[in-house]
């Protein structure tokens, strides 16, 4: 076919092919300048070279005589499977997929793509002939064209499968966006080729617009290049909106240029100017939305990271806490054994098992025994606290518990401590027997001793009084002192394990452990009772009040 004159559309299509070549060269330069994996760069350059072959030879076939046109169209089609194979190889390298997993598929695809080159070029099995209707190229398909298209579709769907599979596994926002660009570019290319190179001309025998499918390769490669070159990517919506605006603007401009009427040229020109302003505003709005979405995603990602970090810290803390509790418990058990032996020997010495004890030595031994009992109590307190913190049962209530023996023991054991400080210790003996309570006597004794011991420690002069009172179904025990007193703030946190002793308390008794109040509170709570403190302020003394339920069955 000899073409003596070129139509407007032919000029336009030749211009488009020229632009595609320019863009392809620009993409090669852009990707070549990047410090990226050589296999990614080489596979991309190979795709561009194959694209040049495909688009240019297909374009030549539409603009030269038929006898030469069939050669060029066969060249364009013969490298199509190879182009799809290189796309597949590029996607695997770009996604950093495991090569072993796809080695067999890659080998089969490569073999088919190489075999298809001579099959398409030298035989009429795929393309039997071509002819023109007006200036539109039509292809007469050969008997193997079904197999050819099946092979191309197999390549295509394999690429789509690999992309989607990878896309849904990626957590990184940046990496996900890169895969989005590759995926959208490939889907655009697949749809355009499917419609214009297969569905319409092959199945429906209409609209032989092969060039539209051919030209879509540059869209594919542009998306691929953008994903390689850009480190910070806009969302895919931004780029798609930009492409749409540019395409619509070009269509309006072409219509303004080629319309024959001056009136319509002016109208289309005005529409073009208006659309440019509108398009810029639209793109800016989408970019702002994208930035807000990106910030929200970053905040969500950071929140997730912090949440995971906090969970790790909690687990670490729990492990350390368990280790600490196990250490304390083991240490206490080892301490308690020699202390028990010491008390046993003291009882034997005091009872005369080793001979008569002189009066001076007896007084020393009595003080030694008091100190040993206090040390045993301290060890027991540490053990009880560990058990409370581990959530284990520490207090075992039994019916018919009596308070009077506890008060008697307190007076005997605390007398030396009070006398040493010149403090009057008064424990009021009830005139009538106190009601019985359900109690763990040993643990309750430890709670009473802790409070009374603190009262003596933090009272520099004056007295400590312990009294009792029965109110309805409750039994109260008061421990009142004339010591350093408590502020309102201290009263609120007094029985928590986080309670920090004040400056005055540290001055009055520098070696205090600061845990007795917490332990006493837990013991009384386990007795279904209450423990609280009252004070008029600093320097005005304190009153600690135990309230325990009476055992009605007793």
Protein backbone atom coordinates (compact mmCIF):
# COMPACT_ATOMS: atom_id res chain seq x y z
CA UNK A 1 0.00 0.00 0.00
CA UNK A 2 1.34 3.40 -0.97
CA UNK A 3 0.29 6.29 1.18
CA UNK A 4 0.55 9.54 -0.68
CA UNK A 5 -0.92 11.79 1.91
CA UNK A 6 -1.04 11.59 5.67
CA UNK A 7 -4.25 12.16 7.63
CA UNK A 8 -4.39 14.21 10.79
CA UNK A 9 -4.61 11.06 12.91
CA UNK A 10 -1.62 9.49 11.17
CA UNK A 11 0.43 12.59 11.94
CA UNK A 12 -0.78 12.47 15.53
CA UNK A 13 0.09 8.77 15.90
CA UNK A 14 3.57 9.28 14.44
CA UNK A 15 4.07 12.13 16.89
CA UNK A 16 2.98 9.85 19.73
CA UNK A 17 5.46 7.14 18.66
CA UNK A 18 8.21 9.75 18.57
CA UNK A 19 7.28 10.92 22.08
CA UNK A 20 7.21 7.31 23.32
CA UNK A 21 10.80 6.86 22.09
CA UNK A 22 11.90 10.10 23.77
CA UNK A 23 10.21 9.09 27.04
CA UNK A 24 11.77 5.62 26.83
CA UNK A 25 15.28 7.08 26.48
CA UNK A 26 14.57 9.43 29.41
CA UNK A 27 13.42 6.48 31.56
CA UNK A 28 16.61 4.53 30.74
CA UNK A 29 18.74 7.52 31.79
CA UNK A 30 16.70 8.09 34.98
CA UNK A 31 16.88 4.46 36.10
CA UNK A 32 20.54 4.15 35.03
CA UNK A 33 21.53 7.02 37.35
CA UNK A 34 20.01 5.28 40.37
CA UNK A 35 22.20 3.23 42.71
CA UNK A 36 19.92 0.24 42.52
CA UNK A 37 20.39 -3.49 42.00
CA UNK A 38 22.05 -4.15 38.63
CA UNK A 39 19.59 -6.92 37.79
CA UNK A 40 16.69 -4.51 38.28
CA UNK A 41 18.40 -1.85 36.12
CA UNK A 42 19.35 -4.31 33.36
CA UNK A 43 15.91 -5.92 33.25
CA UNK A 44 14.27 -2.48 33.05
CA UNK A 45 16.60 -1.39 30.20
CA UNK A 46 15.82 -4.67 28.42
CA UNK A 47 12.09 -3.95 28.74
CA UNK A 48 12.55 -0.50 27.20
CA UNK A 49 14.59 -1.89 24.28
CA UNK A 50 11.94 -4.56 23.64
CA UNK A 51 9.28 -1.85 23.91
CA UNK A 52 11.14 0.19 21.25
CA UNK A 53 11.14 -2.88 18.97
CA UNK A 54 7.46 -3.61 19.61
CA UNK A 55 6.10 -0.07 19.19
CA UNK A 56 8.33 1.10 16.33
CA UNK A 57 8.01 -1.99 14.14
CA UNK A 58 4.26 -2.15 14.77
CA UNK A 59 4.04 1.53 13.77
CA UNK A 60 6.11 0.94 10.61
CA UNK A 61 3.86 -1.93 9.59
CA UNK A 62 0.95 0.53 9.42
CA UNK A 63 2.81 3.04 7.25
CA UNK A 64 4.55 0.99 4.53
CA UNK A 65 3.44 -1.41 1.73
CA UNK A 66 1.81 -4.68 2.79
CA UNK A 67 4.65 -6.98 1.65
CA UNK A 68 7.05 -5.23 4.03
CA UNK A 69 4.40 -4.44 6.65
CA UNK A 70 3.84 -8.12 7.43
CA UNK A 71 7.56 -8.54 8.19
CA UNK A 72 7.50 -5.64 10.63
CA UNK A 73 4.31 -6.72 12.38
CA UNK A 74 5.77 -10.22 12.79
CA UNK A 75 8.92 -8.71 14.32
CA UNK A 76 6.78 -6.71 16.77
CA UNK A 77 4.71 -9.76 17.74
CA UNK A 78 7.64 -12.20 17.91
CA UNK A 79 9.28 -10.35 20.82
CA UNK A 80 6.00 -9.92 22.76
CA UNK A 81 6.39 -13.13 24.85
CA UNK A 82 10.02 -12.19 25.53
CA UNK A 83 8.83 -8.76 26.70
CA UNK A 84 6.39 -10.43 29.13
CA UNK A 85 9.14 -12.77 30.36
CA UNK A 86 11.45 -9.82 31.10
CA UNK A 87 8.55 -8.12 32.93
CA UNK A 88 8.15 -11.29 35.02
CA UNK A 89 11.90 -11.37 35.77
CA UNK A 90 11.85 -7.65 36.70
CA UNK A 91 8.90 -8.13 39.08
CA UNK A 92 10.65 -11.01 40.87
CA UNK A 93 13.83 -8.97 41.30
CA UNK A 94 11.95 -5.81 42.31
CA UNK A 95 9.88 -7.66 44.93
CA UNK A 96 12.99 -9.58 46.10
CA UNK A 97 11.09 -12.84 45.82
CA UNK A 98 12.85 -16.14 46.50
CA UNK A 99 14.40 -17.23 43.21
CA UNK A 100 14.26 -20.95 43.93
CA UNK A 101 10.49 -20.81 44.31
CA UNK A 102 10.01 -19.54 40.74
CA UNK A 103 13.02 -21.13 38.99
CA UNK A 104 10.95 -23.72 37.11
CA UNK A 105 8.33 -21.21 35.95
CA UNK A 106 11.05 -18.79 34.92
CA UNK A 107 12.82 -21.47 32.86
CA UNK A 108 9.60 -22.55 31.11
CA UNK A 109 8.64 -18.94 30.34
CA UNK A 110 12.08 -18.19 28.95
CA UNK A 111 12.00 -21.29 26.73
CA UNK A 112 8.55 -20.43 25.34
CA UNK A 113 9.51 -16.80 24.71
CA UNK A 114 12.64 -17.83 22.78
CA UNK A 115 10.79 -20.48 20.74
CA UNK A 116 8.04 -18.00 19.85
CA UNK A 117 10.50 -15.64 18.07
CA UNK A 118 11.23 -17.86 15.02
CA UNK A 119 7.75 -19.37 15.18
CA UNK A 120 6.05 -15.98 14.77
CA UNK A 121 8.63 -14.38 12.47
CA UNK A 122 9.36 -17.16 9.98
CA UNK A 123 5.96 -18.90 9.78
CA UNK A 124 2.34 -17.98 9.19
CA UNK A 125 1.15 -19.99 12.19
CA UNK A 126 0.40 -16.86 14.26
CA UNK A 127 0.10 -14.07 11.67
CA UNK A 128 -1.00 -15.37 8.29
CA UNK A 129 -1.44 -12.05 6.48
CA UNK A 130 -2.34 -8.36 6.84
CA UNK A 131 -4.55 -5.99 4.90
CA UNK A 132 -5.78 -2.40 5.18
CA UNK A 133 -9.30 -1.05 5.41
CA UNK A 134 -8.82 2.59 4.48
CA UNK A 135 -5.73 3.28 6.60
CA UNK A 136 -6.50 0.80 9.38
CA UNK A 137 -4.31 -2.32 9.61
CA UNK A 138 -6.16 -5.66 9.88
CA UNK A 139 -4.49 -8.97 10.75
CA UNK A 140 -5.39 -12.42 9.41
CA UNK A 141 -4.63 -14.78 12.29
CA UNK A 142 -2.95 -18.14 11.78
CA UNK A 143 -3.94 -21.50 13.34
CA UNK A 144 -1.44 -21.14 16.24
CA UNK A 145 -2.71 -17.69 17.26
CA UNK A 146 -4.84 -19.25 20.03
CA UNK A 147 -1.74 -20.82 21.57
CA UNK A 148 0.17 -17.55 21.22
CA UNK A 149 -2.50 -15.56 23.05
CA UNK A 150 -2.83 -18.26 25.70
CA UNK A 151 0.92 -18.03 26.34
CA UNK A 152 0.75 -14.23 26.67
CA UNK A 153 -2.24 -14.49 29.05
CA UNK A 154 -0.42 -17.12 31.11
CA UNK A 155 2.54 -14.75 31.49
CA UNK A 156 0.16 -11.92 32.38
CA UNK A 157 -1.84 -13.72 35.05
CA UNK A 158 1.34 -15.12 36.61
CA UNK A 159 2.67 -11.57 36.97
CA UNK A 160 -0.59 -10.37 38.48
CA UNK A 161 -0.64 -13.31 40.92
CA UNK A 162 2.93 -12.61 42.10
CA UNK A 163 2.21 -8.89 42.56
CA UNK A 164 -1.02 -9.36 44.51
CA UNK A 165 0.46 -12.11 46.68
CA UNK A 166 3.36 -9.86 47.64
CA UNK A 167 1.19 -6.77 48.06
CA UNK A 168 -0.97 -8.27 50.82
CA UNK A 169 2.07 -9.46 52.79
CA UNK A 170 3.91 -6.13 52.93
CA UNK A 171 3.67 -4.12 56.16
CA UNK A 172 5.96 -1.22 55.22
CA UNK A 173 3.95 1.72 53.85
CA UNK A 174 6.74 2.79 51.46
CA UNK A 175 7.27 -0.71 50.07
CA UNK A 176 3.52 -1.18 49.70
CA UNK A 177 3.29 2.02 47.66
CA UNK A 178 6.08 0.84 45.37
CA UNK A 179 4.25 -2.40 44.71
CA UNK A 180 1.06 -0.39 44.13
CA UNK A 181 2.77 1.54 41.32
CA UNK A 182 4.07 -1.62 39.66
CA UNK A 183 0.66 -3.29 40.07
CA UNK A 184 -1.38 -0.36 38.71
CA UNK A 185 1.01 0.12 35.78
CA UNK A 186 0.81 -3.56 34.90
CA UNK A 187 -3.00 -3.69 35.23
CA UNK A 188 -3.37 -0.61 33.00
CA UNK A 189 -1.11 -2.26 30.41
CA UNK A 190 -2.98 -5.58 30.71
CA UNK A 191 -6.40 -3.98 30.26
CA UNK A 192 -5.33 -1.83 27.30
CA UNK A 193 -3.63 -4.77 25.54
CA UNK A 194 -6.46 -7.11 26.35
CA UNK A 195 -9.08 -4.79 24.89
CA UNK A 196 -7.29 -3.39 21.81
CA UNK A 197 -4.92 -6.26 20.86
CA UNK A 198 -7.06 -9.28 21.76
CA UNK A 199 -10.75 -8.91 22.66
CA UNK A 200 -11.90 -6.40 20.01
CA UNK A 201 -9.84 -7.52 16.97
CA UNK A 202 -9.46 -11.26 17.71
CA UNK A 203 -12.77 -12.27 19.29
CA UNK A 204 -15.18 -9.64 17.95
CA UNK A 205 -13.35 -8.84 14.67
CA UNK A 206 -14.01 -5.12 15.17
CA UNK A 207 -12.04 -1.97 15.97
CA UNK A 208 -8.55 -3.01 14.93
CA UNK A 209 -6.90 -0.38 17.13
CA UNK A 210 -3.70 -2.28 17.88
CA UNK A 211 -1.71 0.89 18.34
CA UNK A 212 -3.64 1.82 21.50
CA UNK A 213 -2.57 -1.46 23.09
CA UNK A 214 1.00 -1.00 21.84
CA UNK A 215 1.25 2.52 23.23
CA UNK A 216 0.18 1.37 26.70
CA UNK A 217 3.66 -0.18 27.17
CA UNK A 218 5.08 3.28 27.89
CA UNK A 219 2.53 3.68 30.73
CA UNK A 220 3.69 0.36 32.16
CA UNK A 221 7.36 1.34 32.00
CA UNK A 222 6.71 4.82 33.39
CA UNK A 223 5.06 3.34 36.49
CA UNK A 224 7.92 0.85 36.87
CA UNK A 225 10.53 3.60 36.56
CA UNK A 226 8.71 5.83 39.04
CA UNK A 227 8.67 2.98 41.58
CA UNK A 228 12.43 2.48 41.10
CA UNK A 229 13.53 6.12 41.08
CA UNK A 230 11.36 7.71 43.77
CA UNK A 231 12.18 7.08 47.41
CA UNK A 232 9.20 9.05 48.77
CA UNK A 233 6.13 8.12 46.74
CA UNK A 234 2.81 9.87 46.52
CA UNK A 235 -0.23 7.66 46.85
CA UNK A 236 -1.38 6.05 43.63
CA UNK A 237 -4.52 8.23 43.63
CA UNK A 238 -2.39 11.37 43.23
CA UNK A 239 -0.52 10.03 40.20
CA UNK A 240 -3.63 8.60 38.56
CA UNK A 241 -5.43 11.92 38.99
CA UNK A 242 -2.46 13.72 37.42
CA UNK A 243 -2.47 11.32 34.46
CA UNK A 244 -6.22 11.72 34.02
CA UNK A 245 -5.99 15.51 34.11
CA UNK A 246 -3.15 15.52 31.56
CA UNK A 247 -4.99 13.14 29.20
CA UNK A 248 -8.23 15.14 29.35
CA UNK A 249 -6.34 18.41 28.88
CA UNK A 250 -4.57 16.99 25.79
CA UNK A 251 -7.86 15.79 24.32
CA UNK A 252 -9.43 19.21 24.78
CA UNK A 253 -6.33 20.86 23.28
CA UNK A 254 -6.32 18.49 20.26
CA UNK A 255 -10.01 19.16 19.75
CA UNK A 256 -9.34 22.92 19.90
CA UNK A 257 -6.52 22.62 17.33
CA UNK A 258 -8.24 20.35 14.80
CA UNK A 259 -11.83 21.62 14.96
CA UNK A 260 -12.63 23.45 11.67
CA UNK A 261 -14.84 26.17 13.15
CA UNK A 262 -13.25 29.32 14.64
CA UNK A 263 -16.13 29.60 17.08
CA UNK A 264 -15.49 26.08 18.40
CA UNK A 265 -11.75 26.74 18.52
CA UNK A 266 -12.43 29.67 20.89
CA UNK A 267 -14.89 27.63 23.00
CA UNK A 268 -12.51 24.65 23.25
CA UNK A 269 -9.59 26.97 24.00
CA UNK A 270 -11.54 28.56 26.84
CA UNK A 271 -12.49 25.08 28.10
CA UNK A 272 -8.81 24.09 27.98
CA UNK A 273 -7.75 27.09 30.11
CA UNK A 274 -10.59 26.51 32.59
CA UNK A 275 -9.77 22.81 32.81
CA UNK A 276 -6.08 23.50 33.52
CA UNK A 277 -6.98 25.65 36.56
CA UNK A 278 -9.57 23.12 37.71
CA UNK A 279 -7.10 20.23 37.24
CA UNK A 280 -4.38 21.98 39.27
CA UNK A 281 -6.86 22.62 42.11
CA UNK A 282 -8.02 18.99 41.99
CA UNK A 283 -4.47 17.61 42.12
CA UNK A 284 -3.54 19.88 45.05
CA UNK A 285 -6.65 18.75 46.96
CA UNK A 286 -5.81 15.09 46.38
CA UNK A 287 -2.20 15.69 47.47
CA UNK A 288 -3.37 17.28 50.72
CA UNK A 289 -5.66 14.33 51.36
CA UNK A 290 -2.75 12.00 50.63
CA UNK A 291 -0.52 13.87 53.11
CA UNK A 292 -3.19 13.66 55.81
CA UNK A 293 -3.63 9.96 55.14
CA UNK A 294 0.13 9.44 55.24
CA UNK A 295 0.39 11.23 58.59
CA UNK A 296 -2.48 9.16 59.97
CA UNK A 297 -0.77 5.96 58.79
CA UNK A 298 2.52 7.06 60.35
CA UNK A 299 0.77 7.82 63.64
CA UNK A 300 -0.98 4.43 63.53
CA UNK A 301 2.31 2.71 62.72
CA UNK A 302 4.10 4.51 65.56
CA UNK A 303 1.25 3.70 67.92
CA UNK A 304 1.50 0.03 66.93
CA UNK A 305 5.27 0.10 67.44
CA UNK A 306 4.91 1.69 70.88
CA UNK A 307 2.17 -0.75 71.83
CA UNK A 308 4.35 -3.70 70.82
CA UNK A 309 7.29 -2.15 72.69
CA UNK A 310 5.16 -1.63 75.80
CA UNK A 311 3.98 -5.25 75.61
CA UNK A 312 7.60 -6.38 75.42
CA UNK A 313 8.51 -4.16 78.38
CA UNK A 314 5.57 -5.53 80.37
CA UNK A 315 6.72 -9.08 79.65
CA UNK A 316 10.29 -8.17 80.62
CA UNK A 317 9.04 -6.51 83.80
CA UNK A 318 6.94 -9.56 84.67
CA UNK A 319 9.94 -11.84 84.14
CA UNK A 320 12.13 -9.61 86.30
CA UNK A 321 9.39 -9.33 88.93
CA UNK A 322 9.02 -13.12 89.04
CA UNK A 323 12.78 -13.52 89.32
CA UNK A 324 12.89 -10.91 92.10
CA UNK A 325 10.06 -12.59 94.02
CA UNK A 326 11.65 -16.02 93.66
CA UNK A 327 14.98 -14.61 94.85
CA UNK A 328 13.39 -12.93 97.87
CA UNK A 329 11.46 -16.05 98.82
CA UNK A 330 14.53 -18.26 98.50
CA UNK A 331 16.61 -15.79 100.53
CA UNK A 332 13.99 -15.58 103.27
CA UNK A 333 13.72 -19.34 103.59
CA UNK A 334 17.49 -19.59 103.93
CA UNK A 335 17.53 -16.78 106.53
CA UNK A 336 14.71 -18.23 108.58
CA UNK A 337 16.48 -21.57 109.19
CA UNK A 338 19.49 -20.18 111.14
CA UNK A 339 17.25 -17.67 112.99
CA UNK A 340 15.01 -20.48 114.18
CA UNK A 341 18.11 -22.30 115.43
CA UNK A 342 19.27 -19.14 117.24
CA UNK A 343 15.92 -18.83 119.02
CA UNK A 344 16.08 -22.48 120.01
CA UNK A 345 19.53 -22.11 121.54
CA UNK A 346 18.45 -18.94 123.37
CA UNK A 347 15.51 -20.82 124.89
CA UNK A 348 17.85 -23.62 126.00
CA UNK A 349 20.34 -21.17 127.54
CA UNK A 350 17.59 -19.19 129.27
CA UNK A 351 16.02 -22.39 130.60
CA UNK A 352 19.29 -23.46 132.22
CA UNK A 353 20.10 -26.37 129.90
CA UNK A 354 23.73 -25.23 129.81
CA UNK A 355 23.95 -24.21 133.46
CA UNK A 356 22.85 -21.31 135.59
CA UNK A 357 22.79 -17.97 133.75
CA UNK A 358 24.18 -14.91 135.61
CA UNK A 359 21.78 -11.99 136.06
CA UNK A 360 23.84 -9.61 133.88
CA UNK A 361 24.05 -12.16 131.09
CA UNK A 362 20.36 -12.98 131.43
CA UNK A 363 19.43 -9.35 130.75
CA UNK A 364 21.64 -9.36 127.64
CA UNK A 365 20.13 -12.64 126.47
CA UNK A 366 16.63 -11.23 126.91
CA UNK A 367 17.49 -8.27 124.70
CA UNK A 368 19.20 -10.62 122.25
CA UNK A 369 16.05 -12.71 122.11
CA UNK A 370 13.91 -9.62 121.47
CA UNK A 371 16.21 -8.63 118.59
CA UNK A 372 16.11 -12.17 117.20
CA UNK A 373 12.30 -12.25 117.36
CA UNK A 374 12.21 -8.89 115.58
CA UNK A 375 14.56 -10.20 112.90
CA UNK A 376 12.41 -13.32 112.44
CA UNK A 377 9.36 -11.08 112.13
CA UNK A 378 11.12 -8.96 109.50
CA UNK A 379 11.99 -12.06 107.46
CA UNK A 380 8.39 -13.25 107.74
CA UNK A 381 7.17 -9.85 106.59
CA UNK A 382 9.31 -10.01 103.46
CA UNK A 383 8.02 -13.48 102.76
CA UNK A 384 4.39 -12.38 103.24
CA UNK A 385 4.84 -9.39 100.94
CA UNK A 386 6.27 -11.64 98.25
CA UNK A 387 3.30 -13.97 98.62
CA UNK A 388 0.83 -11.07 98.43
CA UNK A 389 2.51 -9.74 95.29
CA UNK A 390 2.40 -13.18 93.69
CA UNK A 391 -1.33 -13.28 94.41
CA UNK A 392 -1.04 -16.28 96.68
CA UNK A 393 -3.16 -16.89 99.75
CA UNK A 394 -1.29 -15.73 102.85
CA UNK A 395 -3.96 -15.37 105.55
CA UNK A 396 -5.93 -18.42 106.73
CA UNK A 397 -8.87 -17.44 108.96
CA UNK A 398 -9.92 -19.67 111.85
CA UNK A 399 -12.87 -19.16 114.21
CA UNK A 400 -12.71 -18.18 117.89
CA UNK A 401 -9.65 -15.98 117.64
CA UNK A 402 -8.74 -13.99 120.80
CA UNK A 403 -7.19 -10.51 120.87
CA UNK A 404 -6.10 -10.45 124.56
CA UNK A 405 -3.07 -12.80 124.17
CA UNK A 406 -1.82 -10.62 121.29
CA UNK A 407 -2.02 -7.49 123.46
CA UNK A 408 -0.16 -9.27 126.27
CA UNK A 409 2.68 -10.37 123.94
CA UNK A 410 2.91 -6.87 122.47
CA UNK A 411 3.42 -5.36 125.93
CA UNK A 412 6.13 -7.86 126.82
CA UNK A 413 8.07 -7.55 123.56
CA UNK A 414 7.76 -3.78 123.03
CA UNK A 415 8.54 -2.84 126.65
CA UNK A 416 12.34 -2.83 126.15
CA UNK A 417 12.09 -0.66 123.02
CA UNK A 418 9.80 1.88 124.75
CA UNK A 419 11.92 2.00 127.91
CA UNK A 420 15.09 2.63 125.86
CA UNK A 421 13.46 5.75 124.33
CA UNK A 422 11.87 6.91 127.61
CA UNK A 423 8.40 6.55 126.15
CA UNK A 424 5.44 5.45 128.21
CA UNK A 425 3.79 2.38 126.64
CA UNK A 426 0.26 1.83 127.89
CA UNK A 427 -1.82 -1.14 126.72
CA UNK A 428 -5.31 -1.04 128.21
CA UNK A 429 -6.55 -4.37 129.45
CA UNK A 430 -10.29 -4.73 128.80
CA UNK A 431 -12.45 -5.18 131.91
CA UNK A 432 -14.61 -7.79 130.21
CA UNK A 433 -13.45 -10.40 127.67
CA UNK A 434 -13.39 -9.09 124.12
CA UNK A 435 -15.59 -10.79 121.53
CA UNK A 436 -14.01 -13.52 119.43
CA UNK A 437 -13.06 -12.97 115.80
CA UNK A 438 -12.23 -15.12 112.79
CA UNK A 439 -8.50 -14.62 112.46
CA UNK A 440 -5.09 -15.85 111.47
CA UNK A 441 -3.61 -15.05 114.89
CA UNK A 442 0.04 -15.07 113.82
CA UNK A 443 -0.56 -12.79 110.85
CA UNK A 444 -2.83 -10.45 112.83
CA UNK A 445 -0.22 -10.28 115.57
CA UNK A 446 2.35 -9.22 112.93
CA UNK A 447 0.00 -6.44 111.77
CA UNK A 448 -0.55 -5.13 115.33
CA UNK A 449 3.17 -5.32 116.09
CA UNK A 450 4.05 -3.38 112.93
CA UNK A 451 1.75 -0.49 113.80
CA UNK A 452 2.74 -0.37 117.50
CA UNK A 453 6.43 -0.72 116.60
CA UNK A 454 6.11 2.24 114.17
CA UNK A 455 4.35 4.30 116.82
CA UNK A 456 7.30 3.84 119.21
CA UNK A 457 9.90 4.45 116.48
CA UNK A 458 8.40 7.74 115.34
CA UNK A 459 7.62 9.12 118.81
CA UNK A 460 10.51 11.03 120.33
CA UNK A 461 8.81 11.78 123.65
CA UNK A 462 5.43 11.24 125.27
CA UNK A 463 3.46 8.02 125.09
CA UNK A 464 1.96 5.28 122.97
CA UNK A 465 -1.47 4.00 124.01
CA UNK A 466 -3.26 0.88 122.73
CA UNK A 467 -6.97 0.63 123.53
CA UNK A 468 -9.94 -1.45 122.35
CA UNK A 469 -13.60 -0.77 121.69
CA UNK A 470 -16.65 -2.82 120.63
CA UNK A 471 -19.09 -1.16 118.21
CA UNK A 472 -22.10 -3.25 117.18
CA UNK A 473 -20.62 -6.12 115.11
CA UNK A 474 -17.17 -4.56 114.92
CA UNK A 475 -14.11 -4.72 117.17
CA UNK A 476 -11.76 -1.78 117.06
CA UNK A 477 -8.15 -1.53 118.26
CA UNK A 478 -6.63 1.98 118.55
CA UNK A 479 -2.88 2.66 118.51
CA UNK A 480 -2.40 6.29 119.50
CA UNK A 481 0.95 8.11 119.74
CA UNK A 482 2.32 11.60 120.36
CA UNK A 483 4.84 11.33 117.53
CA UNK A 484 5.61 13.24 114.31
CA UNK A 485 2.06 13.07 112.95
CA UNK A 486 0.87 12.85 109.32
CA UNK A 487 -0.12 15.33 106.64
CA UNK A 488 -3.35 14.84 104.63
CA UNK A 489 -1.34 13.80 101.58
CA UNK A 490 0.54 11.16 103.58
CA UNK A 491 -2.70 9.77 105.00
CA UNK A 492 -3.98 9.16 101.45
CA UNK A 493 -0.97 7.09 100.35
CA UNK A 494 0.04 5.68 103.69
CA UNK A 495 -0.87 2.04 103.07
CA UNK A 496 0.25 1.74 99.47
CA UNK A 497 3.45 -0.07 98.56
CA UNK A 498 4.58 3.15 96.83
CA UNK A 499 4.45 5.13 100.09
CA UNK A 500 7.64 7.14 100.58
CA UNK A 501 8.55 8.06 104.15
CA UNK A 502 8.81 11.80 104.72
CA UNK A 503 11.86 13.75 105.90
CA UNK A 504 10.68 13.87 109.51
CA UNK A 505 10.13 10.10 109.53
CA UNK A 506 13.64 9.48 108.20
CA UNK A 507 15.12 11.77 110.84
CA UNK A 508 13.19 10.02 113.61
CA UNK A 509 14.14 6.53 112.42
CA UNK A 510 16.67 6.38 109.60
CA UNK A 511 16.67 2.59 109.08
CA UNK A 512 12.91 2.10 108.61
CA UNK A 513 11.90 -0.35 105.90
CA UNK A 514 8.75 1.49 104.83
CA UNK A 515 6.85 -1.75 104.13
CA UNK A 516 5.24 -2.54 107.50
CA UNK A 517 2.20 -0.35 106.88
CA UNK A 518 1.55 -1.90 103.48
CA UNK A 519 1.82 -5.42 104.89
CA UNK A 520 -0.43 -4.61 107.88
CA UNK A 521 -3.07 -3.16 105.55
CA UNK A 522 -3.03 -6.31 103.37
CA UNK A 523 -3.35 -8.57 106.42
CA UNK A 524 -6.29 -6.62 107.87
CA UNK A 525 -7.94 -6.51 104.44
CA UNK A 526 -7.61 -10.31 104.21
CA UNK A 527 -9.45 -10.44 107.57
CA UNK A 528 -12.36 -8.55 105.91
CA UNK A 529 -11.48 -5.60 108.12
CA UNK A 530 -10.28 -2.03 107.73
CA UNK A 531 -7.15 -0.13 108.73
CA UNK A 532 -6.78 3.63 108.56
CA UNK A 533 -4.92 6.50 110.21
CA UNK A 534 -6.06 9.80 111.62
CA UNK A 535 -3.89 12.81 112.43
CA UNK A 536 -4.41 16.52 112.97
CA UNK A 537 -1.18 17.28 111.12
CA UNK A 538 2.56 17.32 111.43
CA UNK A 539 3.90 17.17 115.00
CA UNK A 540 0.45 16.40 116.44
CA UNK A 541 0.64 12.65 116.76
CA UNK A 542 -1.34 9.91 114.97
CA UNK A 543 -3.99 7.32 115.69
CA UNK A 544 -4.11 4.04 113.74
CA UNK A 545 -7.43 2.23 113.90
CA UNK A 546 -8.01 -1.49 113.25
CA UNK A 547 -11.60 -2.51 112.62
CA UNK A 548 -12.34 -6.24 112.50
CA UNK A 549 -15.67 -8.09 112.15
CA UNK A 550 -16.81 -10.05 115.22
CA UNK A 551 -17.25 -13.79 114.81
CA UNK A 552 -21.00 -14.13 115.51
CA UNK A 553 -20.76 -17.91 115.51
CA UNK A 554 -18.08 -17.75 118.20
